[in-house]
N, C-alpha and C. Protein backbone atom coordinates (compact mmCIF):
# COMPACT_ATOMS: atom_id res chain seq x y z
N MET A 1 231.71 -23.31 137.81
CA MET A 1 232.73 -24.32 138.04
C MET A 1 233.18 -24.89 136.69
N HIS A 2 234.46 -24.88 136.46
CA HIS A 2 235.00 -25.39 135.20
C HIS A 2 235.91 -26.57 135.48
N THR A 3 235.84 -27.54 134.59
CA THR A 3 236.66 -28.74 134.71
C THR A 3 237.93 -28.54 133.91
N GLU A 4 239.03 -28.93 134.48
CA GLU A 4 240.32 -28.81 133.80
C GLU A 4 240.35 -29.71 132.57
N HIS A 5 241.04 -29.24 131.54
CA HIS A 5 241.17 -29.97 130.28
C HIS A 5 241.67 -31.41 130.50
N ALA A 6 242.69 -31.56 131.33
CA ALA A 6 243.27 -32.89 131.58
C ALA A 6 242.25 -33.81 132.26
N GLU A 7 241.41 -33.26 133.13
CA GLU A 7 240.38 -34.06 133.79
C GLU A 7 239.33 -34.53 132.79
N ILE A 8 238.94 -33.63 131.88
CA ILE A 8 237.94 -33.97 130.87
C ILE A 8 238.41 -35.14 130.02
N GLU A 9 239.68 -35.13 129.64
CA GLU A 9 240.21 -36.19 128.78
C GLU A 9 240.25 -37.55 129.44
N LYS A 10 240.14 -37.61 130.77
CA LYS A 10 240.15 -38.89 131.48
C LYS A 10 238.75 -39.42 131.78
N MET A 11 237.72 -38.65 131.43
CA MET A 11 236.34 -39.02 131.77
C MET A 11 235.82 -40.14 130.88
N THR A 12 234.85 -40.87 131.43
CA THR A 12 234.15 -41.90 130.66
C THR A 12 233.07 -41.22 129.82
N LEU A 13 232.48 -41.97 128.92
CA LEU A 13 231.42 -41.43 128.07
C LEU A 13 230.24 -40.96 128.91
N VAL A 14 229.88 -41.71 129.94
CA VAL A 14 228.77 -41.32 130.81
C VAL A 14 229.09 -40.00 131.51
N GLN A 15 230.30 -39.86 132.04
CA GLN A 15 230.69 -38.63 132.71
C GLN A 15 230.68 -37.45 131.73
N LEU A 16 231.16 -37.68 130.52
CA LEU A 16 231.15 -36.62 129.51
C LEU A 16 229.73 -36.21 129.16
N ALA A 17 228.83 -37.18 129.03
CA ALA A 17 227.43 -36.87 128.73
C ALA A 17 226.82 -36.03 129.84
N ASP A 18 227.12 -36.37 131.09
CA ASP A 18 226.61 -35.60 132.22
C ASP A 18 227.16 -34.18 132.22
N LEU A 19 228.45 -34.05 131.93
CA LEU A 19 229.07 -32.72 131.89
C LEU A 19 228.47 -31.90 130.74
N LEU A 20 228.24 -32.52 129.60
CA LEU A 20 227.63 -31.81 128.48
C LEU A 20 226.23 -31.32 128.86
N GLU A 21 225.47 -32.16 129.55
CA GLU A 21 224.14 -31.76 130.00
C GLU A 21 224.23 -30.56 130.94
N ASP A 22 225.19 -30.58 131.85
CA ASP A 22 225.40 -29.46 132.77
C ASP A 22 225.75 -28.18 132.01
N LEU A 23 226.65 -28.30 131.04
CA LEU A 23 227.05 -27.13 130.25
C LEU A 23 225.87 -26.59 129.45
N ASP A 24 225.06 -27.47 128.88
CA ASP A 24 223.89 -27.03 128.12
C ASP A 24 222.91 -26.28 129.02
N GLY A 25 222.83 -26.69 130.28
CA GLY A 25 221.96 -26.01 131.24
C GLY A 25 222.45 -24.62 131.60
N ARG A 26 223.72 -24.35 131.39
CA ARG A 26 224.29 -23.03 131.71
C ARG A 26 224.25 -22.08 130.52
N ARG A 27 223.73 -22.54 129.40
CA ARG A 27 223.67 -21.68 128.21
C ARG A 27 222.69 -20.53 128.46
N THR A 28 223.10 -19.35 128.07
CA THR A 28 222.24 -18.17 128.20
C THR A 28 221.53 -17.94 126.87
N PRO A 29 220.57 -17.03 126.81
CA PRO A 29 219.89 -16.75 125.53
C PRO A 29 220.84 -16.29 124.43
N VAL A 30 221.99 -15.75 124.77
CA VAL A 30 222.94 -15.30 123.75
C VAL A 30 224.08 -16.30 123.54
N GLY A 31 224.02 -17.43 124.21
CA GLY A 31 225.06 -18.45 124.03
C GLY A 31 225.78 -18.75 125.34
N TRP A 32 226.96 -19.31 125.20
CA TRP A 32 227.75 -19.68 126.36
C TRP A 32 228.76 -18.58 126.67
N VAL A 33 229.12 -18.48 127.94
CA VAL A 33 230.24 -17.60 128.28
C VAL A 33 231.49 -18.25 127.67
N PRO A 34 232.53 -17.48 127.36
CA PRO A 34 233.70 -18.04 126.67
C PRO A 34 234.29 -19.29 127.33
N GLU A 35 234.38 -19.31 128.65
CA GLU A 35 234.96 -20.47 129.33
C GLU A 35 234.10 -21.72 129.12
N ASP A 36 232.77 -21.55 129.18
CA ASP A 36 231.88 -22.68 128.94
C ASP A 36 231.95 -23.16 127.50
N ALA A 37 232.08 -22.23 126.56
CA ALA A 37 232.18 -22.60 125.15
C ALA A 37 233.43 -23.43 124.89
N VAL A 38 234.55 -23.04 125.50
CA VAL A 38 235.80 -23.79 125.34
C VAL A 38 235.66 -25.17 125.98
N GLU A 39 235.07 -25.21 127.18
CA GLU A 39 234.90 -26.49 127.87
C GLU A 39 233.97 -27.41 127.08
N ARG A 40 232.90 -26.84 126.53
CA ARG A 40 231.95 -27.63 125.73
C ARG A 40 232.63 -28.22 124.50
N ALA A 41 233.45 -27.42 123.82
CA ALA A 41 234.17 -27.91 122.64
C ALA A 41 235.10 -29.06 123.03
N THR A 42 235.75 -28.95 124.17
CA THR A 42 236.64 -30.01 124.64
C THR A 42 235.84 -31.28 124.94
N VAL A 43 234.70 -31.12 125.60
CA VAL A 43 233.84 -32.26 125.92
C VAL A 43 233.37 -32.95 124.64
N GLU A 44 232.90 -32.17 123.66
CA GLU A 44 232.44 -32.75 122.40
C GLU A 44 233.56 -33.48 121.67
N ARG A 45 234.77 -32.91 121.69
CA ARG A 45 235.91 -33.57 121.04
C ARG A 45 236.22 -34.90 121.73
N CYS A 46 236.16 -34.91 123.05
CA CYS A 46 236.44 -36.15 123.80
C CYS A 46 235.34 -37.19 123.57
N ILE A 47 234.09 -36.75 123.49
CA ILE A 47 232.99 -37.68 123.19
C ILE A 47 233.23 -38.32 121.83
N LEU A 48 233.55 -37.51 120.85
CA LEU A 48 233.79 -38.03 119.51
C LEU A 48 234.97 -39.01 119.50
N ALA A 49 236.03 -38.68 120.22
CA ALA A 49 237.19 -39.56 120.27
C ALA A 49 236.82 -40.91 120.88
N LEU A 50 236.00 -40.90 121.94
CA LEU A 50 235.60 -42.16 122.56
C LEU A 50 234.69 -42.97 121.65
N VAL A 51 233.75 -42.31 121.00
CA VAL A 51 232.82 -43.03 120.13
C VAL A 51 233.53 -43.58 118.91
N ALA A 52 234.52 -42.87 118.41
CA ALA A 52 235.24 -43.32 117.22
C ALA A 52 236.32 -44.35 117.54
N ALA A 53 236.66 -44.51 118.80
CA ALA A 53 237.72 -45.44 119.17
C ALA A 53 237.22 -46.88 119.11
N GLU A 54 238.04 -47.75 118.60
CA GLU A 54 237.68 -49.17 118.55
C GLU A 54 238.12 -49.82 119.87
N ARG A 55 237.34 -49.56 120.91
CA ARG A 55 237.61 -50.13 122.23
C ARG A 55 236.36 -50.85 122.69
N THR A 56 236.54 -51.80 123.57
CA THR A 56 235.39 -52.50 124.11
C THR A 56 235.40 -52.49 125.63
N ASP A 57 236.25 -51.66 126.24
CA ASP A 57 236.38 -51.68 127.69
C ASP A 57 235.40 -50.75 128.40
N GLU A 58 234.49 -50.16 127.68
CA GLU A 58 233.52 -49.26 128.30
C GLU A 58 232.12 -49.68 127.89
N ARG A 59 231.23 -49.72 128.87
CA ARG A 59 229.84 -50.06 128.58
C ARG A 59 229.20 -48.95 127.77
N PRO A 60 228.31 -49.29 126.85
CA PRO A 60 227.64 -48.25 126.07
C PRO A 60 226.72 -47.40 126.95
N LEU A 61 226.56 -46.17 126.55
CA LEU A 61 225.63 -45.26 127.20
C LEU A 61 224.24 -45.61 126.69
N PRO A 62 223.34 -46.08 127.56
CA PRO A 62 222.03 -46.49 127.07
C PRO A 62 221.20 -45.31 126.58
N CYS A 63 220.40 -45.56 125.56
CA CYS A 63 219.46 -44.56 125.07
C CYS A 63 218.39 -45.30 124.27
N ASP A 64 217.40 -44.58 123.82
CA ASP A 64 216.33 -45.17 123.03
C ASP A 64 215.86 -44.10 122.07
N LEU A 65 216.47 -44.05 120.89
CA LEU A 65 216.22 -42.99 119.94
C LEU A 65 215.95 -43.55 118.55
N GLU A 66 214.99 -42.96 117.86
CA GLU A 66 214.68 -43.40 116.51
C GLU A 66 215.75 -42.95 115.53
N VAL A 67 216.11 -43.82 114.61
CA VAL A 67 217.09 -43.52 113.58
C VAL A 67 216.68 -44.22 112.29
N LYS A 68 216.91 -43.58 111.17
CA LYS A 68 216.72 -44.23 109.86
C LYS A 68 218.05 -44.85 109.49
N LEU A 69 218.01 -46.08 109.06
CA LEU A 69 219.20 -46.82 108.70
C LEU A 69 219.06 -47.22 107.24
N ARG A 70 220.03 -46.78 106.41
CA ARG A 70 219.93 -47.01 104.96
C ARG A 70 221.20 -47.66 104.43
N SER A 71 221.01 -48.67 103.60
CA SER A 71 222.10 -49.25 102.82
C SER A 71 221.65 -49.21 101.37
N LYS A 72 222.48 -49.75 100.47
CA LYS A 72 222.06 -49.81 99.06
C LYS A 72 220.82 -50.67 98.88
N GLU A 73 220.67 -51.68 99.74
CA GLU A 73 219.58 -52.64 99.58
C GLU A 73 218.32 -52.32 100.36
N GLN A 74 218.42 -51.55 101.44
CA GLN A 74 217.23 -51.37 102.27
C GLN A 74 217.27 -50.07 103.06
N LEU A 75 216.07 -49.67 103.50
CA LEU A 75 215.88 -48.51 104.35
C LEU A 75 214.90 -48.92 105.43
N VAL A 76 215.31 -48.80 106.70
CA VAL A 76 214.44 -49.18 107.81
C VAL A 76 214.52 -48.12 108.90
N THR A 77 213.48 -48.09 109.71
CA THR A 77 213.49 -47.27 110.92
C THR A 77 213.90 -48.20 112.05
N ALA A 78 214.89 -47.78 112.81
CA ALA A 78 215.43 -48.60 113.88
C ALA A 78 215.57 -47.74 115.14
N ARG A 79 216.12 -48.33 116.19
CA ARG A 79 216.32 -47.62 117.45
C ARG A 79 217.80 -47.69 117.83
N VAL A 80 218.36 -46.53 118.19
CA VAL A 80 219.70 -46.51 118.79
C VAL A 80 219.48 -46.86 120.25
N VAL A 81 220.09 -47.95 120.72
CA VAL A 81 219.91 -48.38 122.11
C VAL A 81 221.15 -48.16 122.95
N GLY A 82 222.25 -47.76 122.31
CA GLY A 82 223.47 -47.48 123.07
C GLY A 82 224.49 -46.74 122.23
N ILE A 83 225.21 -45.84 122.89
CA ILE A 83 226.30 -45.12 122.26
C ILE A 83 227.53 -45.51 123.04
N GLY A 84 228.53 -46.02 122.35
CA GLY A 84 229.70 -46.48 123.08
C GLY A 84 230.96 -46.36 122.27
N ALA A 85 232.01 -46.90 122.84
CA ALA A 85 233.29 -46.89 122.17
C ALA A 85 233.16 -47.63 120.85
N GLY A 86 233.55 -46.99 119.79
CA GLY A 86 233.53 -47.61 118.48
C GLY A 86 232.28 -47.35 117.68
N GLY A 87 231.24 -46.78 118.28
CA GLY A 87 230.06 -46.50 117.49
C GLY A 87 228.77 -46.57 118.28
N VAL A 88 227.73 -47.02 117.59
CA VAL A 88 226.40 -47.08 118.20
C VAL A 88 225.88 -48.51 118.12
N ARG A 89 224.98 -48.81 119.02
CA ARG A 89 224.30 -50.10 119.01
C ARG A 89 222.85 -49.84 118.61
N ILE A 90 222.37 -50.64 117.68
CA ILE A 90 221.06 -50.42 117.09
C ILE A 90 220.26 -51.70 117.14
N THR A 91 218.95 -51.56 117.31
CA THR A 91 218.06 -52.69 117.21
C THR A 91 216.95 -52.32 116.24
N GLY A 92 216.56 -53.25 115.40
CA GLY A 92 215.51 -52.97 114.44
C GLY A 92 215.41 -54.04 113.39
N PRO A 93 214.45 -53.87 112.50
CA PRO A 93 214.20 -54.88 111.46
C PRO A 93 215.27 -54.85 110.37
N GLY A 94 215.20 -55.82 109.52
CA GLY A 94 216.11 -55.89 108.38
C GLY A 94 217.07 -57.04 108.49
N ARG A 95 217.65 -57.38 107.36
CA ARG A 95 218.68 -58.43 107.31
C ARG A 95 219.97 -57.73 106.93
N TRP A 96 220.91 -57.73 107.83
CA TRP A 96 222.15 -56.98 107.64
C TRP A 96 223.34 -57.91 107.60
N VAL A 97 224.31 -57.55 106.80
CA VAL A 97 225.53 -58.33 106.66
C VAL A 97 226.68 -57.51 107.25
N VAL A 98 227.50 -58.17 108.07
CA VAL A 98 228.67 -57.51 108.63
C VAL A 98 229.52 -56.99 107.47
N GLY A 99 229.98 -55.75 107.59
CA GLY A 99 230.77 -55.11 106.55
C GLY A 99 229.97 -54.19 105.64
N THR A 100 228.63 -54.23 105.78
CA THR A 100 227.77 -53.37 104.97
C THR A 100 227.95 -51.92 105.39
N HIS A 101 228.10 -51.04 104.41
CA HIS A 101 228.18 -49.61 104.67
C HIS A 101 226.75 -49.08 104.76
N VAL A 102 226.50 -48.29 105.79
CA VAL A 102 225.17 -47.75 106.01
C VAL A 102 225.25 -46.25 106.29
N GLU A 103 224.11 -45.61 106.13
CA GLU A 103 223.97 -44.21 106.53
C GLU A 103 222.90 -44.18 107.63
N MET A 104 223.22 -43.48 108.72
CA MET A 104 222.27 -43.31 109.81
C MET A 104 221.79 -41.88 109.78
N GLN A 105 220.50 -41.68 110.01
CA GLN A 105 219.94 -40.34 110.01
C GLN A 105 219.03 -40.17 111.22
N VAL A 106 219.26 -39.10 111.96
CA VAL A 106 218.38 -38.73 113.06
C VAL A 106 218.05 -37.26 112.87
N ARG A 107 216.80 -36.91 113.10
CA ARG A 107 216.41 -35.51 112.96
C ARG A 107 216.71 -34.78 114.26
N ALA A 108 217.32 -33.61 114.13
CA ALA A 108 217.66 -32.80 115.30
C ALA A 108 216.40 -32.29 115.99
N THR A 109 215.39 -31.94 115.20
CA THR A 109 214.11 -31.48 115.73
C THR A 109 213.02 -32.06 114.85
N GLU A 110 211.79 -31.97 115.31
CA GLU A 110 210.67 -32.49 114.52
C GLU A 110 210.55 -31.77 113.18
N SER A 111 210.93 -30.48 113.12
CA SER A 111 210.80 -29.72 111.88
C SER A 111 212.03 -29.84 110.98
N ASP A 112 213.06 -30.53 111.44
CA ASP A 112 214.29 -30.69 110.66
C ASP A 112 214.07 -31.80 109.63
N GLU A 113 213.87 -31.42 108.36
CA GLU A 113 213.56 -32.41 107.34
C GLU A 113 214.77 -33.22 106.91
N LEU A 114 215.96 -32.61 106.90
CA LEU A 114 217.15 -33.32 106.46
C LEU A 114 217.76 -34.15 107.58
N GLY A 115 217.78 -33.61 108.77
CA GLY A 115 218.34 -34.32 109.91
C GLY A 115 219.85 -34.38 109.86
N LEU A 116 220.39 -35.14 110.78
CA LEU A 116 221.83 -35.34 110.85
C LEU A 116 222.13 -36.70 110.27
N ARG A 117 223.09 -36.74 109.36
CA ARG A 117 223.44 -38.00 108.71
C ARG A 117 224.90 -38.32 108.97
N VAL A 118 225.15 -39.60 109.18
CA VAL A 118 226.52 -40.04 109.37
C VAL A 118 226.65 -41.45 108.79
N ARG A 119 227.80 -41.71 108.19
CA ARG A 119 228.05 -43.03 107.60
C ARG A 119 228.75 -43.94 108.61
N GLY A 120 228.53 -45.21 108.44
CA GLY A 120 229.18 -46.19 109.30
C GLY A 120 229.25 -47.53 108.60
N VAL A 121 229.80 -48.50 109.32
CA VAL A 121 229.94 -49.86 108.81
C VAL A 121 229.43 -50.81 109.88
N ILE A 122 228.63 -51.78 109.47
CA ILE A 122 228.15 -52.78 110.43
C ILE A 122 229.32 -53.67 110.82
N ARG A 123 229.64 -53.67 112.11
CA ARG A 123 230.77 -54.44 112.63
C ARG A 123 230.33 -55.75 113.27
N GLU A 124 229.15 -55.75 113.85
CA GLU A 124 228.61 -56.97 114.46
C GLU A 124 227.12 -56.99 114.20
N GLY A 125 226.58 -58.16 114.03
CA GLY A 125 225.15 -58.25 113.82
C GLY A 125 224.65 -59.63 114.17
N GLU A 126 223.59 -59.66 114.95
CA GLU A 126 222.97 -60.92 115.31
C GLU A 126 221.48 -60.65 115.47
N GLY A 127 220.67 -61.29 114.65
CA GLY A 127 219.23 -61.05 114.71
C GLY A 127 218.93 -59.59 114.41
N ASP A 128 218.21 -58.95 115.32
CA ASP A 128 217.84 -57.55 115.09
C ASP A 128 218.76 -56.57 115.83
N ARG A 129 219.91 -57.05 116.33
CA ARG A 129 220.85 -56.19 117.05
C ARG A 129 222.12 -56.01 116.23
N LEU A 130 222.55 -54.74 116.13
CA LEU A 130 223.73 -54.40 115.34
C LEU A 130 224.66 -53.50 116.13
N ARG A 131 225.95 -53.57 115.81
CA ARG A 131 226.90 -52.56 116.28
C ARG A 131 227.46 -51.93 115.02
N ILE A 132 227.29 -50.62 114.94
CA ILE A 132 227.73 -49.89 113.76
C ILE A 132 228.90 -49.01 114.16
N SER A 133 230.01 -49.21 113.48
CA SER A 133 231.21 -48.44 113.73
C SER A 133 231.17 -47.14 112.95
N VAL A 134 231.57 -46.09 113.62
CA VAL A 134 231.70 -44.79 112.95
C VAL A 134 233.17 -44.41 112.89
N ALA A 135 234.03 -45.40 112.96
CA ALA A 135 235.47 -45.17 113.08
C ALA A 135 236.19 -45.06 111.75
N GLU A 136 235.45 -44.94 110.65
CA GLU A 136 236.12 -44.75 109.37
C GLU A 136 236.87 -43.43 109.42
N GLN A 137 237.82 -43.24 108.58
CA GLN A 137 238.56 -41.99 108.56
C GLN A 137 237.71 -40.96 107.84
N PRO A 138 237.02 -40.12 108.63
CA PRO A 138 236.08 -39.20 108.00
C PRO A 138 236.75 -37.95 107.45
N SER A 139 236.09 -37.34 106.49
CA SER A 139 236.52 -36.03 106.02
C SER A 139 236.20 -35.02 107.11
N GLU A 140 236.67 -33.79 106.96
CA GLU A 140 236.38 -32.77 107.96
C GLU A 140 234.87 -32.53 108.08
N GLY A 141 234.17 -32.50 106.95
CA GLY A 141 232.72 -32.32 106.97
C GLY A 141 232.02 -33.48 107.64
N HIS A 142 232.46 -34.70 107.34
CA HIS A 142 231.86 -35.88 107.96
C HIS A 142 232.12 -35.88 109.45
N GLU A 143 233.31 -35.46 109.88
CA GLU A 143 233.62 -35.41 111.30
C GLU A 143 232.70 -34.41 112.02
N ARG A 144 232.42 -33.27 111.40
CA ARG A 144 231.50 -32.30 112.00
C ARG A 144 230.10 -32.90 112.13
N ARG A 145 229.64 -33.58 111.07
CA ARG A 145 228.32 -34.22 111.13
C ARG A 145 228.30 -35.33 112.18
N LEU A 146 229.38 -36.09 112.28
CA LEU A 146 229.47 -37.15 113.28
C LEU A 146 229.39 -36.56 114.68
N ARG A 147 230.12 -35.50 114.92
CA ARG A 147 230.09 -34.85 116.24
C ARG A 147 228.68 -34.37 116.56
N ARG A 148 228.01 -33.72 115.58
CA ARG A 148 226.64 -33.26 115.80
C ARG A 148 225.70 -34.44 116.05
N PHE A 149 225.90 -35.52 115.29
CA PHE A 149 225.06 -36.72 115.43
C PHE A 149 225.19 -37.31 116.83
N VAL A 150 226.40 -37.52 117.28
CA VAL A 150 226.63 -38.14 118.59
C VAL A 150 226.15 -37.23 119.71
N VAL A 151 226.47 -35.94 119.61
CA VAL A 151 226.04 -35.00 120.65
C VAL A 151 224.51 -34.92 120.68
N GLU A 152 223.87 -34.94 119.52
CA GLU A 152 222.40 -34.91 119.50
C GLU A 152 221.83 -36.18 120.12
N LEU A 153 222.42 -37.33 119.86
CA LEU A 153 221.96 -38.56 120.49
C LEU A 153 222.08 -38.47 122.01
N ILE A 154 223.19 -37.94 122.48
CA ILE A 154 223.40 -37.81 123.92
C ILE A 154 222.44 -36.80 124.52
N ARG A 155 222.21 -35.69 123.83
CA ARG A 155 221.25 -34.70 124.33
C ARG A 155 219.85 -35.30 124.43
N ARG A 156 219.44 -36.01 123.39
CA ARG A 156 218.10 -36.62 123.42
C ARG A 156 218.02 -37.67 124.52
N ARG A 157 219.09 -38.39 124.72
CA ARG A 157 219.12 -39.38 125.78
C ARG A 157 219.00 -38.69 127.14
N ASN A 158 219.70 -37.58 127.33
CA ASN A 158 219.66 -36.84 128.58
C ASN A 158 218.29 -36.20 128.81
N ALA A 159 217.60 -35.83 127.73
CA ALA A 159 216.29 -35.20 127.86
C ALA A 159 215.20 -36.20 128.23
N SER A 160 215.46 -37.46 128.00
CA SER A 160 214.44 -38.50 128.27
C SER A 160 214.21 -38.69 129.76
């Protein structure tokens, strides 16, 4: 069963995450059939568009994933507690100032030493809760890393 392109573009982040999980379940040992590969690329593009959009009309997709958060002044281990429109929501230690540029890193697997890295800006912060925007105008390479980062967060969330 394949979802039409126009239908995919109207889905919420939660619906897209569910569809991505379904598509990942249909992967064969040699990869996806061409129709699934095209649908998966469309889903990933729509997920990225929603996460990069500065909107607040959608509830974040809850998750609980470890992430390293680095600025010029500090490096802490924190938790991604939600993925939503405009970026990610994080909870963890540290004293953060709105407007601070940060790098987030999550490892794709336990053996992945470099992990996936993406830059963002702290847009809101109160106590140990932050909202980090990934809506900067990324380079093509940064956009690929952002897509991998967000999709990996969603996959780990779905695996929980």
